[in-house]
PDB file of N, CA and C in Angstrom:
ATOM      1  N   UNK A   1     269.772  42.967  17.824  1.00  0.00           N
ATOM      2  CA  UNK A   1     268.613  42.654  17.030  1.00  0.00           C
ATOM      3  C   UNK A   1     268.079  43.879  16.300  1.00  0.00           C
ATOM      4  N   UNK A   2     267.786  43.705  15.170  1.00  0.00           N
ATOM      5  CA  UNK A   2     267.344  44.802  14.041  1.00  0.00           C
ATOM      6  C   UNK A   2     265.291  44.566  14.638  1.00  0.00           C
ATOM      7  N   UNK A   3     265.162  46.011  14.814  1.00  0.00           N
ATOM      8  CA  UNK A   3     263.510  45.701  15.147  1.00  0.00           C
ATOM      9  C   UNK A   3     262.942  45.524  13.366  1.00  0.00           C
ATOM     10  N   UNK A   4     261.790  45.175  13.746  1.00  0.00           N
ATOM     11  CA  UNK A   4     260.739  45.041  12.540  1.00  0.00           C
ATOM     12  C   UNK A   4     259.503  45.740  12.910  1.00  0.00           C
ATOM     13  N   UNK A   5     258.560  46.446  12.201  1.00  0.00           N
ATOM     14  CA  UNK A   5     257.714  46.980  12.227  1.00  0.00           C
ATOM     15  C   UNK A   5     256.473  46.152  11.032  1.00  0.00           C
ATOM     16  N   UNK A   6     255.753  45.429  11.797  1.00  0.00           N
ATOM     17  CA  UNK A   6     254.692  44.975  10.903  1.00  0.00           C
ATOM     18  C   UNK A   6     253.453  45.510  10.629  1.00  0.00           C
ATOM     19  N   UNK A   7     253.015  46.113  11.198  1.00  0.00           N
ATOM     20  CA  UNK A   7     251.739  46.611  11.332  1.00  0.00           C
ATOM     21  C   UNK A   7     251.420  47.975  12.388  1.00  0.00           C
ATOM     22  N   UNK A   8     250.558  48.606  12.108  1.00  0.00           N
ATOM     23  CA  UNK A   8     250.021  49.875  13.066  1.00  0.00           C
ATOM     24  C   UNK A   8     248.787  50.315  13.009  1.00  0.00           C
ATOM     25  N   UNK A   9     248.206  50.455  14.221  1.00  0.00           N
ATOM     26  CA  UNK A   9     246.477  51.383  14.012  1.00  0.00           C
ATOM     27  C   UNK A   9     246.611  52.419  14.976  1.00  0.00           C
ATOM     28  N   UNK A  10     245.495  53.144  14.389  1.00  0.00           N
ATOM     29  CA  UNK A  10     244.784  53.379  13.508  1.00  0.00           C
ATOM     30  C   UNK A  10     245.639  53.797  12.119  1.00  0.00           C
ATOM     31  N   UNK A  11     244.900  53.653  11.001  1.00  0.00           N
ATOM     32  CA  UNK A  11     245.978  54.084   9.490  1.00  0.00           C
ATOM     33  C   UNK A  11     246.094  55.300   9.488  1.00  0.00           C
ATOM     34  N   UNK A  12     245.391  55.994  10.124  1.00  0.00           N
ATOM     35  CA  UNK A  12     245.577  57.722   9.945  1.00  0.00           C
ATOM     36  C   UNK A  12     245.082  58.236  11.103  1.00  0.00           C
ATOM     37  N   UNK A  13     245.434  59.911  11.139  1.00  0.00           N
ATOM     38  CA  UNK A  13     244.969  60.572  12.624  1.00  0.00           C
ATOM     39  C   UNK A  13     245.904  61.888  12.343  1.00  0.00           C
ATOM     40  N   UNK A  14     245.042  62.499  13.452  1.00  0.00           N
ATOM     41  CA  UNK A  14     245.899  63.915  13.441  1.00  0.00           C
ATOM     42  C   UNK A  14     246.746  63.894  15.008  1.00  0.00           C
ATOM     43  N   UNK A  15     247.235  65.114  14.716  1.00  0.00           N
ATOM     44  CA  UNK A  15     248.300  65.297  15.862  1.00  0.00           C
ATOM     45  C   UNK A  15     247.503  65.064  16.996  1.00  0.00           C
ATOM     46  N   UNK A  16     248.507  64.016  18.087  1.00  0.00           N
ATOM     47  CA  UNK A  16     247.620  63.632  19.496  1.00  0.00           C
ATOM     48  C   UNK A  16     247.147  62.308  19.438  1.00  0.00           C
ATOM     49  N   UNK A  17     246.830  61.634  18.022  1.00  0.00           N
ATOM     50  CA  UNK A  17     246.678  60.459  18.183  1.00  0.00           C
ATOM     51  C   UNK A  17     247.599  59.313  18.536  1.00  0.00           C
ATOM     52  N   UNK A  18     246.879  58.487  19.396  1.00  0.00           N
ATOM     53  CA  UNK A  18     247.746  57.280  19.975  1.00  0.00           C
ATOM     54  C   UNK A  18     247.473  56.459  19.082  1.00  0.00           C
ATOM     55  N   UNK A  19     249.165  56.095  18.476  1.00  0.00           N
ATOM     56  CA  UNK A  19     249.092  55.017  17.242  1.00  0.00           C
ATOM     57  C   UNK A  19     249.982  53.649  18.157  1.00  0.00           C
ATOM     58  N   UNK A  20     249.392  52.399  18.017  1.00  0.00           N
ATOM     59  CA  UNK A  20     249.603  51.485  18.222  1.00  0.00           C
ATOM     60  C   UNK A  20     250.783  50.800  16.965  1.00  0.00           C
ATOM     61  N   UNK A  21     251.842  50.109  17.646  1.00  0.00           N
ATOM     62  CA  UNK A  21     252.669  49.599  16.315  1.00  0.00           C
ATOM     63  C   UNK A  21     253.086  48.492  16.749  1.00  0.00           C
ATOM     64  N   UNK A  22     252.945  47.590  16.040  1.00  0.00           N
ATOM     65  CA  UNK A  22     253.521  46.116  16.154  1.00  0.00           C
ATOM     66  C   UNK A  22     254.572  45.860  15.272  1.00  0.00           C
ATOM     67  N   UNK A  23     255.330  44.637  16.229  1.00  0.00           N
ATOM     68  CA  UNK A  23     256.280  44.465  15.209  1.00  0.00           C
ATOM     69  C   UNK A  23     257.259  43.211  16.406  1.00  0.00           C
ATOM     70  N   UNK A  24     258.545  43.489  15.969  1.00  0.00           N
ATOM     71  CA  UNK A  24     259.405  42.804  16.853  1.00  0.00           C
ATOM     72  C   UNK A  24     260.549  43.635  17.203  1.00  0.00           C
ATOM     73  N   UNK A  25     261.609  43.226  18.259  1.00  0.00           N
ATOM     74  CA  UNK A  25     262.534  43.742  18.654  1.00  0.00           C
ATOM     75  C   UNK A  25     262.456  45.002  19.113  1.00  0.00           C
ATOM     76  N   UNK A  26     261.438  45.433  19.697  1.00  0.00           N
ATOM     77  CA  UNK A  26     261.344  46.767  20.273  1.00  0.00           C
ATOM     78  C   UNK A  26     261.831  47.464  21.753  1.00  0.00           C
ATOM     79  N   UNK A  27     262.411  46.532  22.630  1.00  0.00           N
ATOM     80  CA  UNK A  27     262.071  46.681  24.236  1.00  0.00           C
ATOM     81  C   UNK A  27     263.248  48.167  23.985  1.00  0.00           C
ATOM     82  N   UNK A  28     263.923  48.206  23.464  1.00  0.00           N
ATOM     83  CA  UNK A  28     265.076  49.289  23.664  1.00  0.00           C
ATOM     84  C   UNK A  28     264.859  50.238  22.727  1.00  0.00           C
ATOM     85  N   UNK A  29     263.470  50.463  22.049  1.00  0.00           N
ATOM     86  CA  UNK A  29     263.482  51.819  21.647  1.00  0.00           C
ATOM     87  C   UNK A  29     264.090  52.890  21.919  1.00  0.00           C
ATOM     88  N   UNK A  30     264.806  53.812  21.255  1.00  0.00           N
ATOM     89  CA  UNK A  30     265.313  55.085  21.632  1.00  0.00           C
ATOM     90  C   UNK A  30     264.232  56.035  20.813  1.00  0.00           C
ATOM     91  N   UNK A  31     263.670  55.794  19.589  1.00  0.00           N
ATOM     92  CA  UNK A  31     263.154  57.073  19.283  1.00  0.00           C
ATOM     93  C   UNK A  31     262.047  56.489  18.125  1.00  0.00           C
ATOM     94  N   UNK A  32     260.829  57.371  18.219  1.00  0.00           N
ATOM     95  CA  UNK A  32     259.835  56.887  17.236  1.00  0.00           C
ATOM     96  C   UNK A  32     259.340  58.338  16.121  1.00  0.00           C
ATOM     97  N   UNK A  33     259.848  58.175  14.998  1.00  0.00           N
ATOM     98  CA  UNK A  33     259.291  59.152  13.885  1.00  0.00           C
ATOM     99  C   UNK A  33     258.195  58.660  13.270  1.00  0.00           C
ATOM    100  N   UNK A  34     257.389  60.016  12.564  1.00  0.00           N
ATOM    101  CA  UNK A  34     256.393  59.917  11.758  1.00  0.00           C
ATOM    102  C   UNK A  34     256.985  60.722  10.986  1.00  0.00           C
ATOM    103  N   UNK A  35     257.272  60.249   9.584  1.00  0.00           N
ATOM    104  CA  UNK A  35     258.281  61.180   8.911  1.00  0.00           C
ATOM    105  C   UNK A  35     259.586  61.449   9.409  1.00  0.00           C
ATOM    106  N   UNK A  36     259.712  62.835   9.069  1.00  0.00           N
ATOM    107  CA  UNK A  36     261.391  63.435   9.722  1.00  0.00           C
ATOM    108  C   UNK A  36     260.707  63.703  11.341  1.00  0.00           C
ATOM    109  N   UNK A  37     259.740  63.847  11.791  1.00  0.00           N
ATOM    110  CA  UNK A  37     259.264  64.319  13.220  1.00  0.00           C
ATOM    111  C   UNK A  37     259.527  63.069  14.146  1.00  0.00           C
ATOM    112  N   UNK A  38     260.447  63.809  14.966  1.00  0.00           N
ATOM    113  CA  UNK A  38     260.536  62.775  16.354  1.00  0.00           C
ATOM    114  C   UNK A  38     258.859  62.805  17.055  1.00  0.00           C
ATOM    115  N   UNK A  39     258.488  61.572  17.590  1.00  0.00           N
ATOM    116  CA  UNK A  39     257.204  61.532  18.522  1.00  0.00           C
ATOM    117  C   UNK A  39     257.877  62.259  19.443  1.00  0.00           C
ATOM    118  N   UNK A  40     257.168  63.039  20.272  1.00  0.00           N
ATOM    119  CA  UNK A  40     257.767  63.562  21.812  1.00  0.00           C
ATOM    120  C   UNK A  40     257.157  62.380  22.900  1.00  0.00           C
ATOM    121  N   UNK A  41     256.388  61.541  22.510  1.00  0.00           N
ATOM    122  CA  UNK A  41     255.717  60.860  23.628  1.00  0.00           C
ATOM    123  C   UNK A  41     255.779  59.504  22.948  1.00  0.00           C
ATOM    124  N   UNK A  42     256.243  58.435  23.413  1.00  0.00           N
ATOM    125  CA  UNK A  42     256.123  57.159  23.118  1.00  0.00           C
ATOM    126  C   UNK A  42     256.411  56.074  24.256  1.00  0.00           C
ATOM    127  N   UNK A  43     255.536  54.911  24.054  1.00  0.00           N
ATOM    128  CA  UNK A  43     255.647  54.044  25.578  1.00  0.00           C
ATOM    129  C   UNK A  43     255.987  52.649  24.556  1.00  0.00           C
ATOM    130  N   UNK A  44     257.152  52.013  25.176  1.00  0.00           N
ATOM    131  CA  UNK A  44     257.199  50.523  24.913  1.00  0.00           C
ATOM    132  C   UNK A  44     256.480  49.907  26.036  1.00  0.00           C
ATOM    133  N   UNK A  45     255.694  48.902  25.199  1.00  0.00           N
ATOM    134  CA  UNK A  45     254.571  48.414  25.755  1.00  0.00           C
ATOM    135  C   UNK A  45     254.908  46.629  26.345  1.00  0.00           C
ATOM    136  N   UNK A  46     255.994  46.234  24.783  1.00  0.00           N
ATOM    137  CA  UNK A  46     256.655  45.244  25.326  1.00  0.00           C
ATOM    138  C   UNK A  46     257.711  44.949  23.976  1.00  0.00           C
ATOM    139  N   UNK A  47     258.238  43.963  23.507  1.00  0.00           N
ATOM    140  CA  UNK A  47     259.013  43.631  22.662  1.00  0.00           C
ATOM    141  C   UNK A  47     258.748  43.886  21.171  1.00  0.00           C
ATOM    142  N   UNK A  48     257.020  43.316  21.492  1.00  0.00           N
ATOM    143  CA  UNK A  48     256.341  43.660  20.171  1.00  0.00           C
ATOM    144  C   UNK A  48     254.997  44.525  20.002  1.00  0.00           C
ATOM    145  N   UNK A  49     255.460  45.225  20.812  1.00  0.00           N
ATOM    146  CA  UNK A  49     254.544  46.433  20.984  1.00  0.00           C
ATOM    147  C   UNK A  49     254.710  48.299  21.358  1.00  0.00           C
ATOM    148  N   UNK A  50     254.771  49.329  20.637  1.00  0.00           N
ATOM    149  CA  UNK A  50     254.988  50.251  20.924  1.00  0.00           C
ATOM    150  C   UNK A  50     253.916  51.375  21.013  1.00  0.00           C
ATOM    151  N   UNK A  51     253.728  52.167  21.645  1.00  0.00           N
ATOM    152  CA  UNK A  51     252.469  53.324  21.144  1.00  0.00           C
ATOM    153  C   UNK A  51     253.075  54.769  21.362  1.00  0.00           C
ATOM    154  N   UNK A  52     252.722  55.186  20.458  1.00  0.00           N
ATOM    155  CA  UNK A  52     253.535  56.510  20.193  1.00  0.00           C
ATOM    156  C   UNK A  52     251.965  57.803  19.401  1.00  0.00           C
ATOM    157  N   UNK A  53     252.133  59.167  20.454  1.00  0.00           N
ATOM    158  CA  UNK A  53     251.242  60.156  20.110  1.00  0.00           C
ATOM    159  C   UNK A  53     251.892  60.841  18.656  1.00  0.00           C
ATOM    160  N   UNK A  54     251.026  60.922  17.214  1.00  0.00           N
ATOM    161  CA  UNK A  54     251.304  61.817  16.645  1.00  0.00           C
ATOM    162  C   UNK A  54     251.836  62.889  16.635  1.00  0.00           C
ATOM    163  N   UNK A  55     253.160  63.454  16.326  1.00  0.00           N
ATOM    164  CA  UNK A  55     253.720  64.878  16.814  1.00  0.00           C
ATOM    165  C   UNK A  55     252.998  65.849  16.046  1.00  0.00           C
ATOM    166  N   UNK A  56     253.179  66.925  16.891  1.00  0.00           N
ATOM    167  CA  UNK A  56     252.884  68.190  15.802  1.00  0.00           C
ATOM    168  C   UNK A  56     253.712  68.666  15.123  1.00  0.00           C
ATOM    169  N   UNK A  57     253.337  69.282  13.964  1.00  0.00           N
ATOM    170  CA  UNK A  57     254.692  69.885  12.974  1.00  0.00           C
ATOM    171  C   UNK A  57     254.634  68.684  11.668  1.00  0.00           C
ATOM    172  N   UNK A  58     253.622  68.334  11.377  1.00  0.00           N
ATOM    173  CA  UNK A  58     253.495  67.242  10.555  1.00  0.00           C
ATOM    174  C   UNK A  58     252.315  67.918   8.940  1.00  0.00           C
ATOM    175  N   UNK A  59     253.415  67.632   8.132  1.00  0.00           N
ATOM    176  CA  UNK A  59     251.894  68.367   7.090  1.00  0.00           C
ATOM    177  C   UNK A  59     250.873  67.312   6.796  1.00  0.00           C
ATOM    178  N   UNK A  60     249.661  67.426   6.224  1.00  0.00           N
ATOM    179  CA  UNK A  60     248.875  66.172   5.801  1.00  0.00           C
ATOM    180  C   UNK A  60     249.504  65.551   4.819  1.00  0.00           C
ATOM    181  N   UNK A  61     249.368  64.326   5.140  1.00  0.00           N
ATOM    182  CA  UNK A  61     249.311  63.110   4.095  1.00  0.00           C
ATOM    183  C   UNK A  61     249.982  61.731   4.276  1.00  0.00           C
ATOM    184  N   UNK A  62     250.674  61.349   3.483  1.00  0.00           N
ATOM    185  CA  UNK A  62     251.189  59.910   3.973  1.00  0.00           C
ATOM    186  C   UNK A  62     252.702  60.225   4.386  1.00  0.00           C
ATOM    187  N   UNK A  63     253.076  59.354   5.711  1.00  0.00           N
ATOM    188  CA  UNK A  63     254.337  59.558   6.231  1.00  0.00           C
ATOM    189  C   UNK A  63     254.593  57.943   6.732  1.00  0.00           C
ATOM    190  N   UNK A  64     256.042  57.568   6.525  1.00  0.00           N
ATOM    191  CA  UNK A  64     256.430  56.352   7.220  1.00  0.00           C
ATOM    192  C   UNK A  64     256.596  56.466   8.691  1.00  0.00           C
ATOM    193  N   UNK A  65     256.128  55.420   9.042  1.00  0.00           N
ATOM    194  CA  UNK A  65     256.537  55.300  10.934  1.00  0.00           C
ATOM    195  C   UNK A  65     257.898  54.675  10.664  1.00  0.00           C
ATOM    196  N   UNK A  66     258.869  55.275  11.867  1.00  0.00           N
ATOM    197  CA  UNK A  66     260.392  54.217  11.985  1.00  0.00           C
ATOM    198  C   UNK A  66     260.396  54.254  13.361  1.00  0.00           C
ATOM    199  N   UNK A  67     261.016  53.102  13.796  1.00  0.00           N
ATOM    200  CA  UNK A  67     261.529  52.811  15.420  1.00  0.00           C
ATOM    201  C   UNK A  67     263.152  52.617  14.989  1.00  0.00           C
ATOM    202  N   UNK A  68     263.681  53.532  16.201  1.00  0.00           N
ATOM    203  CA  UNK A  68     265.150  53.328  16.219  1.00  0.00           C
ATOM    204  C   UNK A  68     265.539  52.660  17.434  1.00  0.00           C
ATOM    205  N   UNK A  69     266.125  51.512  17.400  1.00  0.00           N
ATOM    206  CA  UNK A  69     266.810  50.819  18.726  1.00  0.00           C
ATOM    207  C   UNK A  69     268.188  50.606  18.570  1.00  0.00           C
ATOM    208  N   UNK A  70     268.959  50.365  19.534  1.00  0.00           N
ATOM    209  CA  UNK A  70     270.433  50.268  19.133  1.00  0.00           C
ATOM    210  C   UNK A  70     270.716  49.187  18.188  1.00  0.00           C
ATOM    211  N   UNK A  71     269.912  48.570  17.880  1.00  0.00           N
ATOM    212  CA  UNK A  71     270.215  47.701  17.001  1.00  0.00           C
ATOM    213  C   UNK A  71     269.832  47.737  15.231  1.00  0.00           C
ATOM    214  N   UNK A  72     269.158  49.274  14.923  1.00  0.00           N
ATOM    215  CA  UNK A  72     269.036  49.778  13.930  1.00  0.00           C
ATOM    216  C   UNK A  72     267.817  50.160  13.771  1.00  0.00           C
ATOM    217  N   UNK A  73     267.239  50.894  12.774  1.00  0.00           N
ATOM    218  CA  UNK A  73     265.856  51.278  12.670  1.00  0.00           C
ATOM    219  C   UNK A  73     264.957  50.292  11.798  1.00  0.00           C
ATOM    220  N   UNK A  74     263.626  50.417  12.091  1.00  0.00           N
ATOM    221  CA  UNK A  74     262.821  49.683  11.228  1.00  0.00           C
ATOM    222  C   UNK A  74     261.744  50.815  10.640  1.00  0.00           C
ATOM    223  N   UNK A  75     261.280  50.674   9.076  1.00  0.00           N
ATOM    224  CA  UNK A  75     260.307  51.348   8.563  1.00  0.00           C
ATOM    225  C   UNK A  75     258.948  50.781   8.295  1.00  0.00           C
ATOM    226  N   UNK A  76     257.884  51.277   8.765  1.00  0.00           N
ATOM    227  CA  UNK A  76     256.672  50.697   8.747  1.00  0.00           C
ATOM    228  C   UNK A  76     256.740  50.221   6.938  1.00  0.00           C
ATOM    229  N   UNK A  77     255.654  49.421   6.821  1.00  0.00           N
ATOM    230  CA  UNK A  77     255.510  48.511   5.696  1.00  0.00           C
ATOM    231  C   UNK A  77     254.782  49.298   4.649  1.00  0.00           C
ATOM    232  N   UNK A  78     253.764  49.860   5.652  1.00  0.00           N
ATOM    233  CA  UNK A  78     252.807  51.278   4.600  1.00  0.00           C
ATOM    234  C   UNK A  78     252.626  52.514   5.584  1.00  0.00           C
ATOM    235  N   UNK A  79     252.353  53.277   5.041  1.00  0.00           N
ATOM    236  CA  UNK A  79     252.218  54.584   5.470  1.00  0.00           C
ATOM    237  C   UNK A  79     250.998  55.470   6.344  1.00  0.00           C
ATOM    238  N   UNK A  80     251.450  55.877   7.165  1.00  0.00           N
ATOM    239  CA  UNK A  80     250.344  56.339   8.027  1.00  0.00           C
ATOM    240  C   UNK A  80     249.958  57.679   7.664  1.00  0.00           C
ATOM    241  N   UNK A  81     248.835  57.903   7.576  1.00  0.00           N
ATOM    242  CA  UNK A  81     248.053  59.185   7.152  1.00  0.00           C
ATOM    243  C   UNK A  81     247.755  60.011   7.759  1.00  0.00           C
ATOM    244  N   UNK A  82     248.732  61.230   7.625  1.00  0.00           N
ATOM    245  CA  UNK A  82     248.636  62.300   8.665  1.00  0.00           C
ATOM    246  C   UNK A  82     247.109  63.191   8.136  1.00  0.00           C
ATOM    247  N   UNK A  83     245.833  63.721   9.127  1.00  0.00           N
ATOM    248  CA  UNK A  83     244.783  64.115   8.447  1.00  0.00           C
ATOM    249  C   UNK A  83     244.925  65.854   8.834  1.00  0.00           C
TER     250      UNK A  83
END
C-alpha cells in the first residue's frame, strides 16, 4: 500500500515542534523526513496518523514532509515552514 499524506498540523514550527501528519497507509512507516533531514523521533499513532518532531539541522524556510513505508514514499501536498 502506497502511503498518502493529506494534511499536517501545525503549518510551521522550530526544531523540536511536534507535528501531526494525517493521511493513509502509515502503519508500516520506516522513516519521516523534513526536506532531506530524517526525523529522529516519530510515532505511528495509527494507519492514518503519524507524529514527528521537527529535527535539528534544518535551514529556515519551507520544506516538504515525506513518509516512507515498504509501499513507497508519500510527500506532503503543502510545505512545512521551519522557523
